[in-house]
Amino acid sequence: MDIDEKLEKVVRNTVEVITREELEGLLASNSKPRGYIGFEPSGLVHVGWLVWMYKVKDLVEAGVDFYVLEATWHAYINDKLGGDLELIRKAARYTRRVLEAIGVDTSRVHFVDAEELVSDKDYWGLLLRSAKKTTLARVRRALTIMGRTVDEAETDFSKLIYPLMQVTDIFYLDLDIALGGLDQRKAHMLARDIAEKLGVKKPIAIHTPVISGLLGPAKKRIGERGEVDELLVEVKMSKSKPETAIFLHDSPEEIRGKVMKAYCPPRVVEFNPVVEINKYILFQQPGFTLHVERPPEYGGALDITSIEELESLYTNGGLHPLDLKKATAEALVEFVGGIQRRLFSSQETLRLLEELKSARVTR
């Protein structure tokens, strides 16, 4: 794979690279750059997480020496799974099984438990040095990386440490690339700023899209401007709000029911979860075609071969929301079914699934 092919694979299905010039230089000068993503093991996996998971697959295939940080202590700080660390560890194992099921070559991935990091005194020394190079106000602005508004995130003092832990994770692992959803932007920008002041490696940030929750944005947020990450906190698919998400363990009937009830206003693609599922998941699969069944009087059957074609048809009124929902539901049932067959062929994964299904998901 030449440099241009690597670059194309790394940046596809992303919304932002900071900066692309730095990334091009890195790929040209380093045949095996170090990259990472950190995730909170917070419960069962929904389809929104597939966006970053497939991007991990892309980076590994592009030759990135990739680290997946199972952020157990971060999840504890963020009150996930009631702060039960044993359940959090099980959620981490389940998520690892999902990565395998979607085709990530996990033999080429370093899985790192946050407990390994926090047990090293050098980690805390690095955190304190990082803290000396920023302000409380800047840390507070970054609290939205936890999936909370700033006010929500100040319920206990440990949450103020969270952004600095994420920055320290990046420095401690000596990374070239930090991958995350767009909602992680403030942590990555904080890391880049502190890196310059500490004289350490400044990470290149790669941000993936965040899929909107099935219920859509609250009316007060539609058309509202402001901090994009605060908006994402409110509208994104979330396992702590199961009515907003399609889970990888959902049955075909559950998937169809959720898609048919989803927010999908006519001619609108912004914050439209049905369009976004097509854009960021289904049409990212090689050779995917969305087959739409319609009566002849409504235009007849239609095969859509690109997301550009779908968005054009939809915004121009050439595709009714009900027809889009039906087609998307069937495509998603088939797609998720393929993952389920691989994922749940393991008795261990089935046991983890049942334990996590019975757990109380908290936010």
Protein backbone atom coordinates (compact mmCIF):
# COMPACT_ATOMS: atom_id res chain seq x y z
CA MET A 1 0.00 0.00 0.00
CA ASP A 2 1.57 3.30 -1.09
CA ILE A 3 1.33 6.59 0.82
CA ASP A 4 -1.69 7.87 -1.12
CA GLU A 5 -3.58 4.62 -0.56
CA LYS A 6 -2.76 4.71 3.15
CA LEU A 7 -3.91 8.32 3.40
CA GLU A 8 -7.18 7.57 1.62
CA LYS A 9 -7.89 4.64 3.94
CA VAL A 10 -7.03 6.62 7.08
CA VAL A 11 -9.19 9.67 6.29
CA ARG A 12 -12.25 8.05 4.73
CA ASN A 13 -15.45 8.35 6.75
CA THR A 14 -13.97 10.99 9.04
CA VAL A 15 -15.20 14.52 9.61
CA GLU A 16 -11.94 16.16 10.64
CA VAL A 17 -8.19 15.60 10.67
CA ILE A 18 -6.01 17.99 12.69
CA THR A 19 -4.05 18.46 10.64
CA ARG A 20 -4.10 16.70 7.29
CA GLU A 21 -0.69 18.16 6.41
CA GLU A 22 0.80 16.65 9.58
CA LEU A 23 -0.81 13.30 8.77
CA GLU A 24 0.59 13.30 5.24
CA GLY A 25 4.05 14.05 6.61
CA LEU A 26 3.74 11.32 9.24
CA LEU A 27 2.71 8.64 6.75
CA ALA A 28 5.52 9.68 4.41
CA SER A 29 8.20 9.58 7.10
CA ASN A 30 7.07 6.78 9.41
CA SER A 31 6.08 3.34 8.12
CA LYS A 32 4.58 2.34 11.48
CA PRO A 33 3.18 5.35 13.37
CA ARG A 34 1.55 4.80 16.76
CA GLY A 35 -2.18 5.43 17.04
CA TYR A 36 -4.86 4.87 19.64
CA ILE A 37 -8.44 5.19 20.68
CA GLY A 38 -9.73 5.08 24.23
CA PHE A 39 -13.24 3.86 24.99
CA GLU A 40 -15.27 3.67 28.18
CA PRO A 41 -16.50 0.10 28.71
CA SER A 42 -19.98 1.23 29.67
CA GLY A 43 -22.32 -1.56 28.58
CA LEU A 44 -23.55 -3.18 25.39
CA VAL A 45 -22.47 -1.95 21.97
CA HIS A 46 -24.80 -0.01 19.66
CA VAL A 47 -24.37 0.64 15.95
CA GLY A 48 -23.07 4.16 16.58
CA TRP A 49 -19.85 2.63 17.92
CA LEU A 50 -19.31 0.78 14.65
CA VAL A 51 -18.14 4.05 13.08
CA TRP A 52 -14.99 4.25 15.21
CA MET A 53 -14.56 0.48 15.22
CA TYR A 54 -14.37 0.31 11.43
CA LYS A 55 -11.96 3.23 11.52
CA VAL A 56 -9.71 1.21 13.84
CA LYS A 57 -9.82 -1.52 11.20
CA ASP A 58 -8.80 1.01 8.53
CA LEU A 59 -5.86 2.32 10.56
CA VAL A 60 -4.59 -1.16 11.38
CA GLU A 61 -4.78 -2.11 7.68
CA ALA A 62 -2.92 1.11 6.80
CA GLY A 63 0.00 -0.05 8.96
CA VAL A 64 -0.63 2.00 12.10
CA ASP A 65 0.74 0.39 15.27
CA PHE A 66 -2.57 0.64 17.07
CA TYR A 67 -3.44 0.77 20.78
CA VAL A 68 -6.96 0.36 22.15
CA LEU A 69 -7.23 1.75 25.67
CA GLU A 70 -9.92 0.03 27.70
CA ALA A 71 -10.65 3.05 29.88
CA THR A 72 -11.93 1.22 32.94
CA TRP A 73 -11.07 3.89 35.50
CA HIS A 74 -12.41 6.59 33.21
CA ALA A 75 -15.72 4.70 33.08
CA TYR A 76 -15.67 4.47 36.88
CA ILE A 77 -15.16 8.23 37.19
CA ASN A 78 -18.00 8.76 34.70
CA ASP A 79 -20.38 6.63 36.81
CA LYS A 80 -20.82 3.98 34.12
CA LEU A 81 -22.44 0.66 35.12
CA GLY A 82 -22.97 2.07 38.59
CA GLY A 83 -19.22 2.32 39.11
CA ASP A 84 -18.96 -1.49 39.33
CA LEU A 85 -15.40 -2.12 38.11
CA GLU A 86 -15.96 -5.85 37.61
CA LEU A 87 -18.90 -5.15 35.29
CA ILE A 88 -16.86 -2.46 33.55
CA ARG A 89 -14.10 -5.02 32.89
CA LYS A 90 -16.67 -7.42 31.44
CA ALA A 91 -17.96 -4.67 29.16
CA ALA A 92 -14.37 -4.16 27.96
CA ARG A 93 -14.08 -7.87 27.09
CA TYR A 94 -17.40 -7.76 25.25
CA THR A 95 -16.30 -4.73 23.22
CA ARG A 96 -13.09 -6.54 22.28
CA ARG A 97 -15.21 -9.42 20.95
CA VAL A 98 -17.18 -6.96 18.80
CA LEU A 99 -13.97 -5.62 17.27
CA GLU A 100 -13.02 -9.16 16.34
CA ALA A 101 -16.49 -9.85 14.91
CA ILE A 102 -16.35 -6.90 12.50
CA GLY A 103 -13.02 -8.08 11.14
CA VAL A 104 -10.40 -6.10 13.06
CA ASP A 105 -7.18 -8.12 13.14
CA THR A 106 -6.81 -8.00 16.91
CA SER A 107 -3.47 -9.82 16.72
CA ARG A 108 -2.13 -6.50 15.39
CA VAL A 109 -3.77 -4.40 18.14
CA HIS A 110 -2.35 -3.64 21.60
CA PHE A 111 -5.17 -3.73 24.15
CA VAL A 112 -4.24 -1.66 27.20
CA ASP A 113 -6.20 -1.65 30.44
CA ALA A 114 -6.28 1.76 32.11
CA GLU A 115 -5.39 0.01 35.35
CA GLU A 116 -1.94 -0.69 33.91
CA LEU A 117 -1.44 3.04 33.36
CA VAL A 118 -2.70 4.33 36.69
CA SER A 119 -0.56 1.82 38.62
CA ASP A 120 2.59 3.54 37.30
CA LYS A 121 3.81 6.53 39.32
CA ASP A 122 5.27 8.03 36.14
CA TYR A 123 1.73 8.32 34.76
CA TRP A 124 0.69 10.54 37.65
CA GLY A 125 3.85 12.62 37.38
CA LEU A 126 3.04 13.22 33.73
CA LEU A 127 -0.54 14.13 34.62
CA LEU A 128 0.63 16.71 37.15
CA ARG A 129 3.09 18.22 34.68
CA SER A 130 0.26 18.43 32.15
CA ALA A 131 -2.03 20.06 34.72
CA LYS A 132 0.59 22.76 35.32
CA LYS A 133 0.38 23.72 31.64
CA THR A 134 -3.35 24.45 31.48
CA THR A 135 -6.09 26.20 33.43
CA LEU A 136 -9.16 25.11 35.34
CA ALA A 137 -11.34 26.98 32.85
CA ARG A 138 -9.83 25.06 29.94
CA VAL A 139 -10.34 21.73 31.72
CA ARG A 140 -13.96 22.62 32.50
CA ARG A 141 -14.62 23.36 28.83
CA ALA A 142 -13.35 19.87 27.98
CA LEU A 143 -15.76 18.08 30.31
CA THR A 144 -18.17 17.42 27.43
CA ILE A 145 -15.83 14.61 26.29
CA MET A 146 -17.53 12.55 29.02
CA GLY A 147 -20.86 12.73 27.22
CA ARG A 148 -22.15 15.27 29.73
CA THR A 149 -22.88 18.95 29.79
CA VAL A 150 -20.43 21.01 31.84
CA ASP A 151 -22.95 21.36 34.68
CA GLU A 152 -23.63 17.60 34.76
CA ALA A 153 -19.93 16.81 34.83
CA GLU A 154 -19.29 18.78 38.00
CA THR A 155 -21.21 16.44 40.29
CA ASP A 156 -17.98 15.27 41.93
CA PHE A 157 -14.35 16.40 41.81
CA SER A 158 -13.00 13.26 40.12
CA LYS A 159 -14.66 14.33 36.87
CA LEU A 160 -12.37 17.36 36.68
CA ILE A 161 -9.42 14.95 36.53
CA TYR A 162 -10.91 13.04 33.60
CA PRO A 163 -9.80 15.36 30.73
CA LEU A 164 -6.24 15.42 32.10
CA MET A 165 -6.25 11.62 32.31
CA GLN A 166 -7.19 11.46 28.64
CA VAL A 167 -4.38 13.88 27.76
CA THR A 168 -1.94 11.88 29.89
CA ASP A 169 -3.01 8.62 28.22
CA ILE A 170 -1.91 10.08 24.90
CA PHE A 171 1.46 11.29 26.18
CA TYR A 172 2.17 8.17 28.24
CA LEU A 173 1.59 5.87 25.24
CA ASP A 174 3.84 8.12 23.10
CA LEU A 175 1.28 8.40 20.31
CA ASP A 176 1.40 9.98 16.88
CA ILE A 177 -2.36 9.71 16.23
CA ALA A 178 -5.36 10.10 18.54
CA LEU A 179 -8.61 8.72 17.13
CA GLY A 180 -12.04 9.53 18.51
CA GLY A 181 -15.53 10.68 17.72
CA LEU A 182 -16.06 14.37 17.07
CA ASP A 183 -17.30 14.64 20.66
CA GLN A 184 -13.69 14.00 21.78
CA ARG A 185 -12.34 17.05 19.97
CA LYS A 186 -11.74 19.19 23.07
CA ALA A 187 -9.59 16.53 24.75
CA HIS A 188 -7.45 16.17 21.65
CA MET A 189 -7.07 19.93 21.23
CA LEU A 190 -6.12 20.20 24.90
CA ALA A 191 -3.49 17.49 24.35
CA ARG A 192 -2.07 19.33 21.34
CA ASP A 193 -1.88 22.57 23.30
CA ILE A 194 -0.23 21.00 26.35
CA ALA A 195 2.17 19.00 24.17
CA GLU A 196 3.66 22.19 22.76
CA LYS A 197 4.15 23.59 26.27
CA LEU A 198 5.69 20.37 27.60
CA GLY A 199 7.86 19.85 24.54
CA VAL A 200 6.44 16.39 23.82
CA LYS A 201 5.01 14.84 20.67
CA LYS A 202 1.87 16.65 19.48
CA PRO A 203 -0.80 14.12 18.47
CA ILE A 204 -2.57 14.28 15.14
CA ALA A 205 -6.31 14.14 15.86
CA ILE A 206 -8.65 12.11 13.65
CA HIS A 207 -12.34 12.57 14.36
CA THR A 208 -15.14 10.31 13.17
CA PRO A 209 -18.80 11.30 12.80
CA VAL A 210 -21.20 10.76 15.69
CA ILE A 211 -24.53 9.18 14.75
CA SER A 212 -27.62 10.96 16.04
CA GLY A 213 -29.99 9.20 18.41
CA LEU A 214 -33.15 7.70 16.95
CA LEU A 215 -35.40 10.26 18.62
CA GLY A 216 -33.66 13.16 16.89
CA PRO A 217 -32.65 16.50 18.39
CA ALA A 218 -34.84 18.27 20.89
CA LYS A 219 -36.90 20.95 19.17
CA LYS A 220 -35.08 23.71 21.02
CA ARG A 221 -31.77 22.50 19.54
CA ILE A 222 -32.80 22.40 15.88
CA GLY A 223 -31.08 25.22 14.07
CA GLU A 224 -29.31 26.30 17.26
CA ARG A 225 -25.67 27.28 17.00
CA GLY A 226 -23.02 26.98 19.64
CA GLU A 227 -20.52 24.43 20.84
CA VAL A 228 -20.76 21.39 18.56
CA ASP A 229 -19.68 18.96 21.26
CA GLU A 230 -22.39 20.18 23.65
CA LEU A 231 -24.93 19.60 20.89
CA LEU A 232 -23.55 16.11 20.26
CA VAL A 233 -23.94 15.27 23.95
CA GLU A 234 -27.67 15.87 23.60
CA VAL A 235 -28.36 14.28 20.23
CA LYS A 236 -26.01 11.29 19.88
CA MET A 237 -27.00 7.64 20.09
CA SER A 238 -26.44 6.53 23.68
CA LYS A 239 -26.56 3.18 25.47
CA SER A 240 -27.73 4.96 28.63
CA LYS A 241 -30.82 6.04 26.66
CA PRO A 242 -31.70 2.72 24.96
CA GLU A 243 -34.66 4.20 23.12
CA THR A 244 -32.17 6.28 21.09
CA ALA A 245 -30.00 3.35 19.96
CA ILE A 246 -29.93 0.17 17.90
CA PHE A 247 -27.83 -2.45 19.67
CA LEU A 248 -25.83 -5.22 18.07
CA HIS A 249 -27.81 -7.79 20.06
CA ASP A 250 -31.21 -6.45 18.97
CA SER A 251 -33.49 -8.90 17.16
CA PRO A 252 -34.66 -8.23 13.58
CA GLU A 253 -38.07 -7.25 14.94
CA GLU A 254 -36.51 -4.80 17.40
CA ILE A 255 -34.33 -3.26 14.69
CA ARG A 256 -37.28 -2.84 12.33
CA GLY A 257 -39.43 -1.36 15.09
CA LYS A 258 -36.78 1.15 16.16
CA VAL A 259 -36.01 2.30 12.62
CA MET A 260 -39.71 2.70 11.77
CA LYS A 261 -40.20 4.91 14.86
CA ALA A 262 -37.05 6.96 14.24
CA TYR A 263 -36.91 10.69 13.62
CA CYS A 264 -36.77 11.10 9.84
CA PRO A 265 -38.27 14.43 8.68
CA PRO A 266 -38.98 14.78 4.94
CA ARG A 267 -36.20 16.36 2.86
CA VAL A 268 -33.96 16.87 5.94
CA VAL A 269 -30.63 15.04 6.30
CA GLU A 270 -29.08 17.02 9.18
CA PHE A 271 -29.38 15.11 12.49
CA ASN A 272 -31.45 12.50 10.64
CA PRO A 273 -30.41 9.15 12.16
CA VAL A 274 -31.86 7.07 9.32
CA VAL A 275 -29.82 8.97 6.73
CA GLU A 276 -26.73 8.87 8.99
CA ILE A 277 -26.94 5.09 9.44
CA ASN A 278 -26.82 4.81 5.67
CA LYS A 279 -24.06 7.38 5.29
CA TYR A 280 -21.68 6.34 8.03
CA ILE A 281 -22.30 2.59 8.27
CA LEU A 282 -24.14 0.91 5.39
CA PHE A 283 -22.63 2.80 2.45
CA GLN A 284 -19.17 2.36 3.98
CA GLN A 285 -19.42 -1.36 3.23
CA PRO A 286 -17.88 -2.30 -0.15
CA GLY A 287 -20.47 -2.73 -2.90
CA PHE A 288 -23.46 -1.79 -0.75
CA THR A 289 -26.71 -0.93 -2.56
CA LEU A 290 -29.86 0.26 -0.77
CA HIS A 291 -32.83 -1.51 -2.33
CA VAL A 292 -36.09 0.42 -1.99
CA GLU A 293 -39.36 -1.38 -2.66
CA ARG A 294 -42.16 0.92 -3.84
CA PRO A 295 -45.46 0.35 -5.68
CA PRO A 296 -45.36 1.35 -9.38
CA GLU A 297 -47.63 4.32 -8.70
CA TYR A 298 -44.99 5.71 -6.33
CA GLY A 299 -42.06 5.26 -8.67
CA GLY A 300 -41.45 1.53 -8.44
CA ALA A 301 -38.46 -0.33 -7.02
CA LEU A 302 -35.23 1.62 -6.75
CA ASP A 303 -31.60 0.69 -6.19
CA ILE A 304 -29.48 3.46 -4.65
CA THR A 305 -25.75 2.91 -5.11
CA SER A 306 -24.20 5.88 -3.29
CA ILE A 307 -24.89 8.11 -0.32
CA GLU A 308 -24.72 11.14 -2.61
CA GLU A 309 -27.57 9.69 -4.67
CA LEU A 310 -29.59 8.96 -1.53
CA GLU A 311 -29.13 12.46 -0.08
CA SER A 312 -30.01 14.09 -3.41
CA LEU A 313 -33.16 12.00 -3.81
CA TYR A 314 -34.22 12.60 -0.23
CA THR A 315 -33.64 16.35 -0.07
CA ASN A 316 -35.42 16.81 -3.41
CA GLY A 317 -38.47 14.86 -2.29
CA GLY A 318 -37.81 11.88 -4.57
CA LEU A 319 -37.76 9.45 -1.65
CA HIS A 320 -40.47 9.30 1.01
CA PRO A 321 -39.38 8.90 4.67
CA LEU A 322 -41.45 5.73 5.04
CA ASP A 323 -39.79 4.12 2.01
CA LEU A 324 -36.35 5.12 3.30
CA LYS A 325 -37.10 3.67 6.73
CA LYS A 326 -38.35 0.35 5.35
CA ALA A 327 -35.32 -0.05 3.08
CA THR A 328 -32.88 0.96 5.82
CA ALA A 329 -34.46 -1.39 8.35
CA GLU A 330 -34.09 -4.39 6.03
CA ALA A 331 -30.51 -3.49 5.10
CA LEU A 332 -29.60 -3.02 8.76
CA VAL A 333 -31.20 -6.32 9.78
CA GLU A 334 -29.04 -8.12 7.20
CA PHE A 335 -25.89 -6.20 8.13
CA VAL A 336 -26.25 -6.62 11.91
CA GLY A 337 -27.23 -10.26 11.41
CA GLY A 338 -23.85 -10.94 9.82
CA ILE A 339 -22.05 -9.43 12.82
CA GLN A 340 -24.27 -11.35 15.24
CA ARG A 341 -23.47 -14.69 13.62
CA ARG A 342 -19.77 -14.11 14.19
CA LEU A 343 -20.10 -12.40 17.57
CA PHE A 344 -22.41 -14.87 19.27
CA SER A 345 -20.73 -18.04 18.04
CA SER A 346 -18.73 -17.89 21.28
CA GLN A 347 -20.23 -19.11 24.55
CA GLU A 348 -18.08 -16.63 26.47
CA THR A 349 -19.55 -13.74 24.49
CA LEU A 350 -23.08 -15.02 25.09
CA ARG A 351 -22.37 -15.15 28.84
CA LEU A 352 -21.01 -11.60 28.79
CA LEU A 353 -24.07 -10.48 26.82
CA GLU A 354 -26.48 -11.91 29.39
CA GLU A 355 -24.57 -10.40 32.31
CA LEU A 356 -24.46 -6.98 30.69
CA LYS A 357 -28.11 -7.12 29.65
CA SER A 358 -29.07 -7.63 33.28
CA ALA A 359 -26.81 -4.81 34.49
CA ARG A 360 -28.13 -1.37 35.27
CA VAL A 361 -26.80 1.05 32.67
CA THR A 362 -26.06 4.45 34.19
CA ARG A 363 -24.80 7.76 32.88
